Amino acid sequence: MRQAGFEIIKHIGELQKITYTAHFDKKNLKTDPKVAWSEVLILKDLSRLMPATVEAKAEALTTAWEKNWQGLKDEDDLSLAEIDIALHELRMEVLDNMKLLE
């Protein structure tokens, strides 16, 4: 569970980097948010190795991503906010669960 938690935190960072680059760096044509689906799916898979609360947050992130990823390149700040909130909530849930392992 500890290793899964570390991996989730790492992949959250990767997805956040892709999210911010897609939204704020319009000249970066290499950043296509649809490629980040792999990160979303990895997070969903890894969350299954954690408590149900983490899995629920990963599912919420999947839903937020599915609903909002296309708005990232269109300067839709609401899309960015919904994804960012879901990422933050997943990160906090993982960290809270990892603290319980000490």
PDB file of N, CA and C in Angstrom:
ATOM      1  N   MET A   1       0.831  -1.192   0.000  1.00  0.00           N
ATOM      2  CA  MET A   1       0.000   0.000   0.000  1.00  0.00           C
ATOM      3  C   MET A   1       0.878   1.259   0.000  1.00  0.00           C
ATOM      4  N   ARG A   2       1.970   1.202   0.743  1.00  0.00           N
ATOM      5  CA  ARG A   2       2.868   2.367   0.799  1.00  0.00           C
ATOM      6  C   ARG A   2       3.436   2.672  -0.590  1.00  0.00           C
ATOM      7  N   GLN A   3       3.891   1.636  -1.294  1.00  0.00           N
ATOM      8  CA  GLN A   3       4.459   1.824  -2.629  1.00  0.00           C
ATOM      9  C   GLN A   3       3.407   2.371  -3.594  1.00  0.00           C
ATOM     10  N   ALA A   4       2.186   1.864  -3.508  1.00  0.00           N
ATOM     11  CA  ALA A   4       1.098   2.370  -4.355  1.00  0.00           C
ATOM     12  C   ALA A   4       0.854   3.847  -4.068  1.00  0.00           C
ATOM     13  N   GLY A   5       0.902   4.223  -2.805  1.00  0.00           N
ATOM     14  CA  GLY A   5       0.721   5.630  -2.435  1.00  0.00           C
ATOM     15  C   GLY A   5       1.766   6.528  -3.046  1.00  0.00           C
ATOM     16  N   PHE A   6       3.034   6.092  -2.987  1.00  0.00           N
ATOM     17  CA  PHE A   6       4.115   6.878  -3.591  1.00  0.00           C
ATOM     18  C   PHE A   6       3.924   7.008  -5.101  1.00  0.00           C
ATOM     19  N   GLU A   7       3.557   5.926  -5.727  1.00  0.00           N
ATOM     20  CA  GLU A   7       3.329   5.948  -7.174  1.00  0.00           C
ATOM     21  C   GLU A   7       2.163   6.871  -7.540  1.00  0.00           C
ATOM     22  N   ILE A   8       1.109   6.841  -6.750  1.00  0.00           N
ATOM     23  CA  ILE A   8      -0.040   7.716  -7.013  1.00  0.00           C
ATOM     24  C   ILE A   8       0.383   9.179  -6.926  1.00  0.00           C
ATOM     25  N   ILE A   9       1.137   9.528  -5.889  1.00  0.00           N
ATOM     26  CA  ILE A   9       1.605  10.912  -5.734  1.00  0.00           C
ATOM     27  C   ILE A   9       2.440  11.318  -6.947  1.00  0.00           C
ATOM     28  N   LYS A  10       3.300  10.420  -7.407  1.00  0.00           N
ATOM     29  CA  LYS A  10       4.143  10.710  -8.571  1.00  0.00           C
ATOM     30  C   LYS A  10       3.284  10.946  -9.826  1.00  0.00           C
ATOM     31  N   HIS A  11       2.295  10.108 -10.042  1.00  0.00           N
ATOM     32  CA  HIS A  11       1.442  10.239 -11.235  1.00  0.00           C
ATOM     33  C   HIS A  11       0.492  11.430 -11.135  1.00  0.00           C
ATOM     34  N   ILE A  12       0.112  11.805  -9.931  1.00  0.00           N
ATOM     35  CA  ILE A  12      -0.672  13.035  -9.755  1.00  0.00           C
ATOM     36  C   ILE A  12       0.162  14.223 -10.234  1.00  0.00           C
ATOM     37  N   GLY A  13       1.432  14.244  -9.862  1.00  0.00           N
ATOM     38  CA  GLY A  13       2.324  15.320 -10.307  1.00  0.00           C
ATOM     39  C   GLY A  13       2.450  15.373 -11.820  1.00  0.00           C
ATOM     40  N   GLU A  14       2.581  14.215 -12.445  1.00  0.00           N
ATOM     41  CA  GLU A  14       2.670  14.165 -13.906  1.00  0.00           C
ATOM     42  C   GLU A  14       1.392  14.690 -14.554  1.00  0.00           C
ATOM     43  N   LEU A  15       0.256  14.259 -14.034  1.00  0.00           N
ATOM     44  CA  LEU A  15      -1.015  14.706 -14.609  1.00  0.00           C
ATOM     45  C   LEU A  15      -1.217  16.197 -14.375  1.00  0.00           C
ATOM     46  N   GLN A  16      -0.804  16.682 -13.229  1.00  0.00           N
ATOM     47  CA  GLN A  16      -0.926  18.114 -12.955  1.00  0.00           C
ATOM     48  C   GLN A  16      -0.039  18.919 -13.898  1.00  0.00           C
ATOM     49  N   LYS A  17       1.156  18.426 -14.166  1.00  0.00           N
ATOM     50  CA  LYS A  17       2.066  19.111 -15.097  1.00  0.00           C
ATOM     51  C   LYS A  17       1.443  19.178 -16.492  1.00  0.00           C
ATOM     52  N   ILE A  18       0.894  18.079 -16.949  1.00  0.00           N
ATOM     53  CA  ILE A  18       0.243  18.049 -18.263  1.00  0.00           C
ATOM     54  C   ILE A  18      -0.956  19.007 -18.283  1.00  0.00           C
ATOM     55  N   THR A  19      -1.726  18.990 -17.219  1.00  0.00           N
ATOM     56  CA  THR A  19      -2.920  19.844 -17.117  1.00  0.00           C
ATOM     57  C   THR A  19      -2.551  21.320 -17.213  1.00  0.00           C
ATOM     58  N   TYR A  20      -1.578  21.745 -16.410  1.00  0.00           N
ATOM     59  CA  TYR A  20      -1.188  23.154 -16.405  1.00  0.00           C
ATOM     60  C   TYR A  20      -0.544  23.573 -17.727  1.00  0.00           C
ATOM     61  N   THR A  21       0.283  22.707 -18.284  1.00  0.00           N
ATOM     62  CA  THR A  21       0.924  23.028 -19.557  1.00  0.00           C
ATOM     63  C   THR A  21      -0.116  23.162 -20.659  1.00  0.00           C
ATOM     64  N   ALA A  22      -1.062  22.242 -20.698  1.00  0.00           N
ATOM     65  CA  ALA A  22      -2.111  22.300 -21.727  1.00  0.00           C
ATOM     66  C   ALA A  22      -2.951  23.563 -21.599  1.00  0.00           C
ATOM     67  N   HIS A  23      -3.187  23.991 -20.373  1.00  0.00           N
ATOM     68  CA  HIS A  23      -4.056  25.156 -20.162  1.00  0.00           C
ATOM     69  C   HIS A  23      -3.316  26.488 -20.339  1.00  0.00           C
ATOM     70  N   PHE A  24      -2.100  26.577 -19.811  1.00  0.00           N
ATOM     71  CA  PHE A  24      -1.417  27.869 -19.777  1.00  0.00           C
ATOM     72  C   PHE A  24      -0.410  28.096 -20.899  1.00  0.00           C
ATOM     73  N   ASP A  25       0.103  27.032 -21.481  1.00  0.00           N
ATOM     74  CA  ASP A  25       1.136  27.175 -22.500  1.00  0.00           C
ATOM     75  C   ASP A  25       0.554  26.806 -23.867  1.00  0.00           C
ATOM     76  N   LYS A  26      -0.148  27.727 -24.452  1.00  0.00           N
ATOM     77  CA  LYS A  26      -0.850  27.467 -25.717  1.00  0.00           C
ATOM     78  C   LYS A  26       0.099  27.195 -26.881  1.00  0.00           C
ATOM     79  N   LYS A  27       1.349  27.645 -26.765  1.00  0.00           N
ATOM     80  CA  LYS A  27       2.302  27.452 -27.858  1.00  0.00           C
ATOM     81  C   LYS A  27       2.930  26.058 -27.828  1.00  0.00           C
ATOM     82  N   ASN A  28       2.773  25.344 -26.732  1.00  0.00           N
ATOM     83  CA  ASN A  28       3.362  24.018 -26.601  1.00  0.00           C
ATOM     84  C   ASN A  28       2.450  22.989 -27.267  1.00  0.00           C
ATOM     85  N   LEU A  29       2.696  22.726 -28.514  1.00  0.00           N
ATOM     86  CA  LEU A  29       1.844  21.813 -29.273  1.00  0.00           C
ATOM     87  C   LEU A  29       2.085  20.346 -28.912  1.00  0.00           C
ATOM     88  N   LYS A  30       3.175  20.080 -28.182  1.00  0.00           N
ATOM     89  CA  LYS A  30       3.458  18.707 -27.783  1.00  0.00           C
ATOM     90  C   LYS A  30       2.563  18.244 -26.638  1.00  0.00           C
ATOM     91  N   THR A  31       1.935  19.168 -25.938  1.00  0.00           N
ATOM     92  CA  THR A  31       1.108  18.807 -24.798  1.00  0.00           C
ATOM     93  C   THR A  31      -0.341  18.691 -25.238  1.00  0.00           C
ATOM     94  N   ASP A  32      -0.761  17.478 -25.424  1.00  0.00           N
ATOM     95  CA  ASP A  32      -2.137  17.196 -25.799  1.00  0.00           C
ATOM     96  C   ASP A  32      -2.805  16.509 -24.618  1.00  0.00           C
ATOM     97  N   PRO A  33      -3.812  17.133 -24.028  1.00  0.00           N
ATOM     98  CA  PRO A  33      -4.414  16.555 -22.823  1.00  0.00           C
ATOM     99  C   PRO A  33      -5.010  15.163 -23.028  1.00  0.00           C
ATOM    100  N   LYS A  34      -5.330  14.794 -24.250  1.00  0.00           N
ATOM    101  CA  LYS A  34      -5.903  13.453 -24.429  1.00  0.00           C
ATOM    102  C   LYS A  34      -4.869  12.362 -24.164  1.00  0.00           C
ATOM    103  N   VAL A  35      -3.579  12.687 -24.285  1.00  0.00           N
ATOM    104  CA  VAL A  35      -2.539  11.709 -23.983  1.00  0.00           C
ATOM    105  C   VAL A  35      -2.489  11.436 -22.481  1.00  0.00           C
ATOM    106  N   ALA A  36      -2.968  12.355 -21.704  1.00  0.00           N
ATOM    107  CA  ALA A  36      -2.940  12.202 -20.247  1.00  0.00           C
ATOM    108  C   ALA A  36      -3.948  11.172 -19.746  1.00  0.00           C
ATOM    109  N   TRP A  37      -4.782  10.675 -20.616  1.00  0.00           N
ATOM    110  CA  TRP A  37      -5.706   9.609 -20.215  1.00  0.00           C
ATOM    111  C   TRP A  37      -4.937   8.437 -19.610  1.00  0.00           C
ATOM    112  N   SER A  38      -3.740   8.169 -20.098  1.00  0.00           N
ATOM    113  CA  SER A  38      -2.955   7.059 -19.542  1.00  0.00           C
ATOM    114  C   SER A  38      -2.637   7.307 -18.068  1.00  0.00           C
ATOM    115  N   GLU A  39      -2.320   8.554 -17.722  1.00  0.00           N
ATOM    116  CA  GLU A  39      -2.065   8.897 -16.320  1.00  0.00           C
ATOM    117  C   GLU A  39      -3.324   8.714 -15.481  1.00  0.00           C
ATOM    118  N   VAL A  40      -4.452   9.143 -16.009  1.00  0.00           N
ATOM    119  CA  VAL A  40      -5.723   8.997 -15.292  1.00  0.00           C
ATOM    120  C   VAL A  40      -6.006   7.516 -15.031  1.00  0.00           C
ATOM    121  N   LEU A  41      -5.792   6.682 -16.028  1.00  0.00           N
ATOM    122  CA  LEU A  41      -6.060   5.249 -15.879  1.00  0.00           C
ATOM    123  C   LEU A  41      -5.078   4.585 -14.915  1.00  0.00           C
ATOM    124  N   ILE A  42      -3.818   5.012 -14.935  1.00  0.00           N
ATOM    125  CA  ILE A  42      -2.842   4.486 -13.974  1.00  0.00           C
ATOM    126  C   ILE A  42      -3.269   4.843 -12.553  1.00  0.00           C
ATOM    127  N   LEU A  43      -3.700   6.085 -12.357  1.00  0.00           N
ATOM    128  CA  LEU A  43      -4.159   6.507 -11.030  1.00  0.00           C
ATOM    129  C   LEU A  43      -5.357   5.680 -10.572  1.00  0.00           C
ATOM    130  N   LYS A  44      -6.266   5.441 -11.494  1.00  0.00           N
ATOM    131  CA  LYS A  44      -7.444   4.642 -11.165  1.00  0.00           C
ATOM    132  C   LYS A  44      -7.045   3.220 -10.781  1.00  0.00           C
ATOM    133  N   ASP A  45      -6.120   2.632 -11.528  1.00  0.00           N
ATOM    134  CA  ASP A  45      -5.652   1.275 -11.227  1.00  0.00           C
ATOM    135  C   ASP A  45      -4.926   1.210  -9.891  1.00  0.00           C
ATOM    136  N   LEU A  46      -3.995   2.125  -9.670  1.00  0.00           N
ATOM    137  CA  LEU A  46      -3.239   2.123  -8.413  1.00  0.00           C
ATOM    138  C   LEU A  46      -4.141   2.368  -7.202  1.00  0.00           C
ATOM    139  N   SER A  47      -5.175   3.143  -7.381  1.00  0.00           N
ATOM    140  CA  SER A  47      -6.066   3.453  -6.254  1.00  0.00           C
ATOM    141  C   SER A  47      -6.767   2.203  -5.734  1.00  0.00           C
ATOM    142  N   ARG A  48      -6.882   1.195  -6.578  1.00  0.00           N
ATOM    143  CA  ARG A  48      -7.525  -0.050  -6.155  1.00  0.00           C
ATOM    144  C   ARG A  48      -6.686  -0.810  -5.133  1.00  0.00           C
ATOM    145  N   LEU A  49      -5.418  -0.429  -4.998  1.00  0.00           N
ATOM    146  CA  LEU A  49      -4.533  -1.045  -4.015  1.00  0.00           C
ATOM    147  C   LEU A  49      -4.562  -0.311  -2.678  1.00  0.00           C
ATOM    148  N   MET A  50      -5.357   0.743  -2.616  1.00  0.00           N
ATOM    149  CA  MET A  50      -5.455   1.587  -1.429  1.00  0.00           C
ATOM    150  C   MET A  50      -6.858   1.425  -0.822  1.00  0.00           C
ATOM    151  N   PRO A  51      -7.098   2.056   0.335  1.00  0.00           N
ATOM    152  CA  PRO A  51      -8.441   2.000   0.923  1.00  0.00           C
ATOM    153  C   PRO A  51      -9.514   2.577  -0.015  1.00  0.00           C
ATOM    154  N   ALA A  52     -10.745   2.224   0.244  1.00  0.00           N
ATOM    155  CA  ALA A  52     -11.877   2.618  -0.607  1.00  0.00           C
ATOM    156  C   ALA A  52     -12.003   4.130  -0.756  1.00  0.00           C
ATOM    157  N   THR A  53     -11.589   4.889   0.241  1.00  0.00           N
ATOM    158  CA  THR A  53     -11.695   6.352   0.155  1.00  0.00           C
ATOM    159  C   THR A  53     -10.801   6.902  -0.949  1.00  0.00           C
ATOM    160  N   VAL A  54      -9.627   6.289  -1.107  1.00  0.00           N
ATOM    161  CA  VAL A  54      -8.706   6.700  -2.171  1.00  0.00           C
ATOM    162  C   VAL A  54      -9.285   6.311  -3.528  1.00  0.00           C
ATOM    163  N   GLU A  55      -9.820   5.123  -3.609  1.00  0.00           N
ATOM    164  CA  GLU A  55     -10.425   4.666  -4.860  1.00  0.00           C
ATOM    165  C   GLU A  55     -11.570   5.592  -5.275  1.00  0.00           C
ATOM    166  N   ALA A  56     -12.360   6.052  -4.309  1.00  0.00           N
ATOM    167  CA  ALA A  56     -13.467   6.968  -4.608  1.00  0.00           C
ATOM    168  C   ALA A  56     -12.952   8.307  -5.145  1.00  0.00           C
ATOM    169  N   LYS A  57     -11.858   8.804  -4.568  1.00  0.00           N
ATOM    170  CA  LYS A  57     -11.276  10.068  -5.051  1.00  0.00           C
ATOM    171  C   LYS A  57     -10.693   9.901  -6.451  1.00  0.00           C
ATOM    172  N   ALA A  58     -10.108   8.745  -6.730  1.00  0.00           N
ATOM    173  CA  ALA A  58      -9.580   8.484  -8.077  1.00  0.00           C
ATOM    174  C   ALA A  58     -10.717   8.392  -9.081  1.00  0.00           C
ATOM    175  N   GLU A  59     -11.820   7.825  -8.679  1.00  0.00           N
ATOM    176  CA  GLU A  59     -12.993   7.758  -9.560  1.00  0.00           C
ATOM    177  C   GLU A  59     -13.537   9.162  -9.820  1.00  0.00           C
ATOM    178  N   ALA A  60     -13.535  10.018  -8.796  1.00  0.00           N
ATOM    179  CA  ALA A  60     -13.980  11.409  -8.965  1.00  0.00           C
ATOM    180  C   ALA A  60     -13.050  12.152  -9.925  1.00  0.00           C
ATOM    181  N   LEU A  61     -11.752  11.873  -9.828  1.00  0.00           N
ATOM    182  CA  LEU A  61     -10.796  12.479 -10.761  1.00  0.00           C
ATOM    183  C   LEU A  61     -11.070  12.006 -12.188  1.00  0.00           C
ATOM    184  N   THR A  62     -11.322  10.733 -12.351  1.00  0.00           N
ATOM    185  CA  THR A  62     -11.628  10.190 -13.678  1.00  0.00           C
ATOM    186  C   THR A  62     -12.839  10.888 -14.275  1.00  0.00           C
ATOM    187  N   THR A  63     -13.863  11.081 -13.472  1.00  0.00           N
ATOM    188  CA  THR A  63     -15.069  11.765 -13.927  1.00  0.00           C
ATOM    189  C   THR A  63     -14.773  13.216 -14.282  1.00  0.00           C
ATOM    190  N   ALA A  64     -14.006  13.901 -13.423  1.00  0.00           N
ATOM    191  CA  ALA A  64     -13.657  15.304 -13.685  1.00  0.00           C
ATOM    192  C   ALA A  64     -12.829  15.417 -14.961  1.00  0.00           C
ATOM    193  N   TRP A  65     -11.892  14.492 -15.146  1.00  0.00           N
ATOM    194  CA  TRP A  65     -11.060  14.525 -16.349  1.00  0.00           C
ATOM    195  C   TRP A  65     -11.915  14.294 -17.592  1.00  0.00           C
ATOM    196  N   GLU A  66     -12.755  13.276 -17.544  1.00  0.00           N
ATOM    197  CA  GLU A  66     -13.614  12.948 -18.685  1.00  0.00           C
ATOM    198  C   GLU A  66     -14.496  14.132 -19.081  1.00  0.00           C
ATOM    199  N   LYS A  67     -14.986  14.828 -18.096  1.00  0.00           N
ATOM    200  CA  LYS A  67     -15.895  15.953 -18.326  1.00  0.00           C
ATOM    201  C   LYS A  67     -15.158  17.215 -18.805  1.00  0.00           C
ATOM    202  N   ASN A  68     -13.888  17.367 -18.409  1.00  0.00           N
ATOM    203  CA  ASN A  68     -13.234  18.672 -18.580  1.00  0.00           C
ATOM    204  C   ASN A  68     -11.959  18.719 -19.402  1.00  0.00           C
ATOM    205  N   TRP A  69     -11.383  17.596 -19.795  1.00  0.00           N
ATOM    206  CA  TRP A  69     -10.067  17.644 -20.429  1.00  0.00           C
ATOM    207  C   TRP A  69     -10.064  18.461 -21.713  1.00  0.00           C
ATOM    208  N   GLN A  70     -11.157  18.427 -22.454  1.00  0.00           N
ATOM    209  CA  GLN A  70     -11.183  19.159 -23.723  1.00  0.00           C
ATOM    210  C   GLN A  70     -11.202  20.675 -23.521  1.00  0.00           C
ATOM    211  N   GLY A  71     -11.655  21.130 -22.366  1.00  0.00           N
ATOM    212  CA  GLY A  71     -11.693  22.564 -22.086  1.00  0.00           C
ATOM    213  C   GLY A  71     -10.349  23.151 -21.707  1.00  0.00           C
ATOM    214  N   LEU A  72      -9.362  22.311 -21.452  1.00  0.00           N
ATOM    215  CA  LEU A  72      -8.051  22.823 -21.021  1.00  0.00           C
ATOM    216  C   LEU A  72      -7.395  23.689 -22.075  1.00  0.00           C
ATOM    217  N   LYS A  73      -7.445  23.300 -23.321  1.00  0.00           N
ATOM    218  CA  LYS A  73      -6.826  24.081 -24.404  1.00  0.00           C
ATOM    219  C   LYS A  73      -7.681  25.284 -24.809  1.00  0.00           C
ATOM    220  N   ASP A  74      -8.938  25.291 -24.394  1.00  0.00           N
ATOM    221  CA  ASP A  74      -9.858  26.362 -24.776  1.00  0.00           C
ATOM    222  C   ASP A  74      -9.914  27.493 -23.753  1.00  0.00           C
ATOM    223  N   GLU A  75      -8.926  27.517 -22.849  1.00  0.00           N
ATOM    224  CA  GLU A  75      -8.869  28.552 -21.816  1.00  0.00           C
ATOM    225  C   GLU A  75     -10.100  28.553 -20.917  1.00  0.00           C
ATOM    226  N   ASP A  76     -10.687  27.390 -20.707  1.00  0.00           N
ATOM    227  CA  ASP A  76     -11.842  27.257 -19.826  1.00  0.00           C
ATOM    228  C   ASP A  76     -11.335  27.068 -18.400  1.00  0.00           C
ATOM    229  N   ASP A  77     -11.359  28.159 -17.632  1.00  0.00           N
ATOM    230  CA  ASP A  77     -10.830  28.118 -16.274  1.00  0.00           C
ATOM    231  C   ASP A  77     -11.637  27.190 -15.367  1.00  0.00           C
ATOM    232  N   LEU A  78     -12.922  27.020 -15.644  1.00  0.00           N
ATOM    233  CA  LEU A  78     -13.739  26.109 -14.843  1.00  0.00           C
ATOM    234  C   LEU A  78     -13.280  24.667 -15.041  1.00  0.00           C
ATOM    235  N   SER A  79     -12.925  24.308 -16.260  1.00  0.00           N
ATOM    236  CA  SER A  79     -12.400  22.967 -16.528  1.00  0.00           C
ATOM    237  C   SER A  79     -11.117  22.729 -15.741  1.00  0.00           C
ATOM    238  N   LEU A  80     -10.232  23.702 -15.784  1.00  0.00           N
ATOM    239  CA  LEU A  80      -8.980  23.597 -15.037  1.00  0.00           C
ATOM    240  C   LEU A  80      -9.268  23.462 -13.544  1.00  0.00           C
ATOM    241  N   ALA A  81     -10.162  24.268 -13.038  1.00  0.00           N
ATOM    242  CA  ALA A  81     -10.476  24.249 -11.603  1.00  0.00           C
ATOM    243  C   ALA A  81     -11.039  22.898 -11.168  1.00  0.00           C
ATOM    244  N   GLU A  82     -11.940  22.331 -11.945  1.00  0.00           N
ATOM    245  CA  GLU A  82     -12.538  21.048 -11.563  1.00  0.00           C
ATOM    246  C   GLU A  82     -11.499  19.933 -11.552  1.00  0.00           C
ATOM    247  N   ILE A  83     -10.622  19.918 -12.530  1.00  0.00           N
ATOM    248  CA  ILE A  83      -9.566  18.907 -12.564  1.00  0.00           C
ATOM    249  C   ILE A  83      -8.593  19.132 -11.414  1.00  0.00           C
ATOM    250  N   ASP A  84      -8.218  20.374 -11.186  1.00  0.00           N
ATOM    251  CA  ASP A  84      -7.270  20.710 -10.128  1.00  0.00           C
ATOM    252  C   ASP A  84      -7.812  20.315  -8.751  1.00  0.00           C
ATOM    253  N   ILE A  85      -9.077  20.566  -8.513  1.00  0.00           N
ATOM    254  CA  ILE A  85      -9.700  20.196  -7.238  1.00  0.00           C
ATOM    255  C   ILE A  85      -9.679  18.678  -7.063  1.00  0.00           C
ATOM    256  N   ALA A  86     -10.028  17.953  -8.110  1.00  0.00           N
ATOM    257  CA  ALA A  86     -10.036  16.490  -8.031  1.00  0.00           C
ATOM    258  C   ALA A  86      -8.626  15.947  -7.777  1.00  0.00           C
ATOM    259  N   LEU A  87      -7.618  16.530  -8.411  1.00  0.00           N
ATOM    260  CA  LEU A  87      -6.234  16.126  -8.168  1.00  0.00           C
ATOM    261  C   LEU A  87      -5.830  16.402  -6.724  1.00  0.00           C
ATOM    262  N   HIS A  88      -6.170  17.574  -6.238  1.00  0.00           N
ATOM    263  CA  HIS A  88      -5.840  17.952  -4.856  1.00  0.00           C
ATOM    264  C   HIS A  88      -6.512  17.004  -3.858  1.00  0.00           C
ATOM    265  N   GLU A  89      -7.780  16.704  -4.085  1.00  0.00           N
ATOM    266  CA  GLU A  89      -8.498  15.829  -3.158  1.00  0.00           C
ATOM    267  C   GLU A  89      -7.917  14.416  -3.155  1.00  0.00           C
ATOM    268  N   LEU A  90      -7.532  13.914  -4.311  1.00  0.00           N
ATOM    269  CA  LEU A  90      -6.907  12.599  -4.375  1.00  0.00           C
ATOM    270  C   LEU A  90      -5.569  12.627  -3.640  1.00  0.00           C
ATOM    271  N   ARG A  91      -4.770  13.663  -3.896  1.00  0.00           N
ATOM    272  CA  ARG A  91      -3.465  13.787  -3.236  1.00  0.00           C
ATOM    273  C   ARG A  91      -3.630  13.799  -1.712  1.00  0.00           C
ATOM    274  N   MET A  92      -4.557  14.601  -1.203  1.00  0.00           N
ATOM    275  CA  MET A  92      -4.756  14.706   0.239  1.00  0.00           C
ATOM    276  C   MET A  92      -5.227  13.376   0.838  1.00  0.00           C
ATOM    277  N   GLU A  93      -6.099  12.680   0.136  1.00  0.00           N
ATOM    278  CA  GLU A  93      -6.604  11.390   0.623  1.00  0.00           C
ATOM    279  C   GLU A  93      -5.483  10.357   0.685  1.00  0.00           C
ATOM    280  N   VAL A  94      -4.633  10.334  -0.323  1.00  0.00           N
ATOM    281  CA  VAL A  94      -3.498   9.410  -0.327  1.00  0.00           C
ATOM    282  C   VAL A  94      -2.556   9.742   0.819  1.00  0.00           C
ATOM    283  N   LEU A  95      -2.213  11.005   0.979  1.00  0.00           N
ATOM    284  CA  LEU A  95      -1.301  11.402   2.053  1.00  0.00           C
ATOM    285  C   LEU A  95      -1.880  11.083   3.424  1.00  0.00           C
ATOM    286  N   ASP A  96      -3.174  11.332   3.614  1.00  0.00           N
ATOM    287  CA  ASP A  96      -3.810  11.007   4.894  1.00  0.00           C
ATOM    288  C   ASP A  96      -3.733   9.513   5.180  1.00  0.00           C
ATOM    289  N   ASN A  97      -3.967   8.698   4.174  1.00  0.00           N
ATOM    290  CA  ASN A  97      -3.909   7.243   4.351  1.00  0.00           C
ATOM    291  C   ASN A  97      -2.481   6.768   4.575  1.00  0.00           C
ATOM    292  N   MET A  98      -1.525   7.400   3.953  1.00  0.00           N
ATOM    293  CA  MET A  98      -0.135   6.999   4.145  1.00  0.00           C
ATOM    294  C   MET A  98       0.356   7.363   5.556  1.00  0.00           C
ATOM    295  N   LYS A  99      -0.158   8.436   6.117  1.00  0.00           N
ATOM    296  CA  LYS A  99       0.220   8.805   7.487  1.00  0.00           C
ATOM    297  C   LYS A  99      -0.239   7.733   8.480  1.00  0.00           C
ATOM    298  N   LEU A 100      -1.340   7.065   8.170  1.00  0.00           N
ATOM    299  CA  LEU A 100      -1.846   6.030   9.055  1.00  0.00           C
ATOM    300  C   LEU A 100      -0.943   4.800   9.077  1.00  0.00           C
ATOM    301  N   LEU A 101      -0.069   4.672   8.097  1.00  0.00           N
ATOM    302  CA  LEU A 101       0.818   3.511   8.012  1.00  0.00           C
ATOM    303  C   LEU A 101       2.025   3.628   8.949  1.00  0.00           C
ATOM    304  N   GLU A 102       2.282   4.812   9.446  1.00  0.00           N
ATOM    305  CA  GLU A 102       3.482   5.035  10.283  1.00  0.00           C
ATOM    306  C   GLU A 102       3.436   4.284  11.547  1.00  0.00           C
TER     307      GLU A 102
END
